[in-house]
Amino acid sequence: MGFKTRVKNAVKDVRTSVAEDQAEQAKENFIKAVSIIQKTASKGVIHRKKASRKVSRLARQVNKLASA
């Protein structure tokens, strides 16, 4: 499976968990997603700032869910 596909699937897993109000699952998926996104950026498949933006936006969603 390609790197971009792995990133998209990881992001989708986090967003699905957030949509279903599963805070613990969202946190676990977020940690995995960050790893995949950073690995993809380090290989130059996506730009490092794009990776940072994705991680930041996911973190906001997960933290918003956790505080609610």
Protein backbone atom coordinates (compact mmCIF):
# COMPACT_ATOMS: atom_id res chain seq x y z
CA MET A 1 0.00 0.00 0.00
CA GLY A 2 1.28 3.46 -0.89
CA PHE A 3 2.26 6.08 1.64
CA LYS A 4 -0.46 8.54 0.67
CA THR A 5 -3.09 5.82 0.97
CA ARG A 6 -1.84 4.93 4.44
CA VAL A 7 -2.06 8.60 5.47
CA LYS A 8 -5.61 8.93 4.13
CA ASN A 9 -6.74 5.75 5.90
CA ALA A 10 -5.13 6.82 9.19
CA VAL A 11 -6.80 10.24 9.03
CA LYS A 12 -10.12 8.61 8.19
CA ASP A 13 -9.83 6.27 11.20
CA VAL A 14 -9.29 9.21 13.55
CA ARG A 15 -12.14 11.24 12.08
CA THR A 16 -14.50 8.26 12.25
CA SER A 17 -13.67 7.73 15.93
CA VAL A 18 -14.26 11.41 16.63
CA ALA A 19 -17.59 11.36 14.78
CA GLU A 20 -18.73 8.36 16.85
CA ASP A 21 -17.66 10.07 20.12
CA GLN A 22 -15.15 7.34 20.99
CA ALA A 23 -12.51 9.35 22.84
CA GLU A 24 -10.17 6.48 23.77
CA GLN A 25 -10.27 4.97 20.28
CA ALA A 26 -9.68 8.42 18.77
CA LYS A 27 -6.57 8.92 20.93
CA GLU A 28 -5.15 5.53 19.92
CA ASN A 29 -5.85 6.15 16.25
CA PHE A 30 -4.38 9.65 16.53
CA ILE A 31 -1.07 8.32 17.88
CA LYS A 32 -0.86 5.83 15.00
CA ALA A 33 -1.82 8.50 12.48
CA VAL A 34 0.88 10.90 13.69
CA SER A 35 3.51 8.20 13.25
CA ILE A 36 2.36 7.39 9.71
CA ILE A 37 2.09 11.07 8.71
CA GLN A 38 5.56 11.93 10.03
CA LYS A 39 7.11 8.89 8.38
CA THR A 40 5.53 9.86 5.06
CA ALA A 41 6.83 13.43 5.39
CA SER A 42 10.34 12.25 6.26
CA LYS A 43 10.45 10.25 3.04
CA GLY A 44 9.47 13.34 1.07
CA VAL A 45 6.16 11.94 -0.17
CA ILE A 46 4.26 14.86 1.37
CA HIS A 47 5.66 18.23 2.42
CA ARG A 48 6.64 18.56 6.07
CA LYS A 49 4.37 21.57 6.57
CA LYS A 50 1.42 19.69 5.10
CA ALA A 51 2.15 16.86 7.55
CA SER A 52 2.32 19.32 10.42
CA ARG A 53 -0.99 20.87 9.37
CA LYS A 54 -2.70 17.46 9.23
CA VAL A 55 -1.40 16.51 12.68
CA SER A 56 -2.46 19.86 14.13
CA ARG A 57 -5.99 19.62 12.75
CA LEU A 58 -6.41 16.04 13.97
CA ALA A 59 -5.08 17.00 17.40
CA ARG A 60 -7.64 19.80 17.67
CA GLN A 61 -10.46 17.38 16.87
CA VAL A 62 -9.27 14.76 19.36
CA ASN A 63 -8.69 17.32 22.13
CA LYS A 64 -12.08 18.90 21.51
CA LEU A 65 -13.69 15.47 21.90
CA ALA A 66 -11.72 14.70 25.07
CA SER A 67 -12.68 17.98 26.74
CA ALA A 68 -16.37 17.67 25.83
